[in-house]
Protein backbone atom coordinates (compact mmCIF):
# COMPACT_ATOMS: atom_id res chain seq x y z
CA UNK A 1 -5.68 -5.49 -15.88
CA UNK A 2 -8.54 -4.73 -13.50
CA UNK A 3 -8.42 -5.09 -9.70
CA UNK A 4 -10.63 -8.20 -9.60
CA UNK A 5 -8.24 -10.05 -11.89
CA UNK A 6 -5.28 -8.81 -9.84
CA UNK A 7 -6.84 -10.19 -6.65
CA UNK A 8 -7.46 -13.59 -8.24
CA UNK A 9 -3.83 -13.72 -9.42
CA UNK A 10 -2.59 -12.72 -5.95
CA UNK A 11 -4.57 -15.64 -4.50
CA UNK A 12 -2.63 -17.87 -6.90
CA UNK A 13 0.68 -16.59 -5.53
CA UNK A 14 1.48 -13.82 -8.01
CA UNK A 15 2.94 -10.44 -7.05
CA UNK A 16 1.10 -7.44 -8.50
CA UNK A 17 1.90 -3.77 -8.95
CA UNK A 18 0.31 -0.70 -10.52
CA UNK A 19 1.82 1.45 -13.23
CA UNK A 20 0.24 4.44 -11.45
CA UNK A 21 2.14 3.98 -8.19
CA UNK A 22 4.92 6.48 -7.56
CA UNK A 23 7.11 4.15 -5.47
CA UNK A 24 9.46 2.16 -7.67
CA UNK A 25 9.53 -1.54 -6.83
CA UNK A 26 6.29 -1.54 -4.81
CA UNK A 27 4.06 -4.59 -5.06
CA UNK A 28 1.25 -6.37 -3.22
CA UNK A 29 0.77 -10.04 -2.42
CA UNK A 30 -1.75 -12.32 -0.77
CA UNK A 31 -0.95 -13.82 2.63
CA UNK A 32 -3.04 -16.92 3.32
CA UNK A 33 -4.40 -17.49 6.78
CA UNK A 34 -2.25 -19.37 9.24
CA UNK A 35 -2.22 -20.62 12.80
CA UNK A 36 0.72 -20.73 15.19
CA UNK A 37 1.45 -20.92 18.88
CA UNK A 38 2.76 -17.79 20.61
CA UNK A 39 6.43 -18.21 21.51
CA UNK A 40 8.05 -14.75 21.14
CA UNK A 41 7.43 -11.01 21.43
CA UNK A 42 5.52 -8.97 20.65
CA UNK A 43 2.61 -11.42 21.04
CA UNK A 44 4.26 -13.09 24.03
CA UNK A 45 3.68 -9.89 25.99
CA UNK A 46 -0.02 -9.95 25.06
CA UNK A 47 -0.90 -13.66 25.16
CA UNK A 48 0.40 -16.50 27.33
CA UNK A 49 3.07 -18.70 25.74
CA UNK A 50 1.55 -21.53 23.71
CA UNK A 51 -1.69 -19.67 22.96
CA UNK A 52 -2.94 -20.60 19.47
CA UNK A 53 -3.26 -17.52 17.27
CA UNK A 54 -5.14 -17.57 13.98
CA UNK A 55 -4.20 -14.95 11.40
CA UNK A 56 -6.84 -14.27 8.79
CA UNK A 57 -5.92 -14.07 5.11
CA UNK A 58 -4.91 -10.56 4.03
CA UNK A 59 -2.92 -8.60 1.48
CA UNK A 60 0.50 -7.14 2.27
CA UNK A 61 2.48 -4.51 0.40
CA UNK A 62 6.22 -4.28 -0.14
CA UNK A 63 7.05 -0.57 -0.05
CA UNK A 64 9.73 1.13 -2.14
CA UNK A 65 12.16 0.90 0.81
CA UNK A 66 11.68 -2.89 1.01
CA UNK A 67 9.63 -2.84 4.21
CA UNK A 68 6.43 -4.90 4.27
CA UNK A 69 3.12 -4.02 5.91
CA UNK A 70 -0.56 -4.78 5.64
CA UNK A 71 -2.39 -3.10 2.77
CA UNK A 72 -5.89 -1.88 2.17
CA UNK A 73 -6.67 -0.66 -1.35
CA UNK A 74 -7.85 2.87 -2.00
CA UNK A 75 -10.85 3.47 -4.24
CA UNK A 76 -8.31 4.52 -6.88
CA UNK A 77 -6.62 1.11 -6.61
CA UNK A 78 -9.95 -0.73 -6.84
CA UNK A 79 -11.08 1.20 -9.93
CA UNK A 80 -7.68 1.22 -11.69
CA UNK A 81 -7.03 -0.86 -14.77
CA UNK A 82 -3.24 -0.51 -14.74
CA UNK A 83 -2.48 -3.58 -12.59
CA UNK A 84 0.41 -5.70 -13.86
CA UNK A 85 2.31 -8.79 -12.79
CA UNK A 86 5.71 -8.25 -11.21
CA UNK A 87 8.34 -9.96 -13.39
CA UNK A 88 9.85 -13.01 -11.68
CA UNK A 89 13.38 -11.53 -11.75
CA UNK A 90 12.18 -8.48 -9.76
CA UNK A 91 10.49 -10.46 -7.00
CA UNK A 92 13.64 -10.72 -4.90
CA UNK A 93 13.34 -14.51 -4.73
């Protein structure tokens, strides 16, 4: 599928991957915006305790080693048509 369809499915809670990625088990997912009050590091060292923080919606990636980080697509990702859904059994849920 194309990137636009993949993004819409991510917004619906689906996990997506690309056949062209080298890392086995890698996938991306949508993280909706949220608000919380600062109560622990590392933000506690930057903001006073109780400060309301708003996180904007973004996309995260689960890397082949299982670590998660924020993700920004490359032009190759945006133009690719090899996006696929991650099977439910592989989601680690």
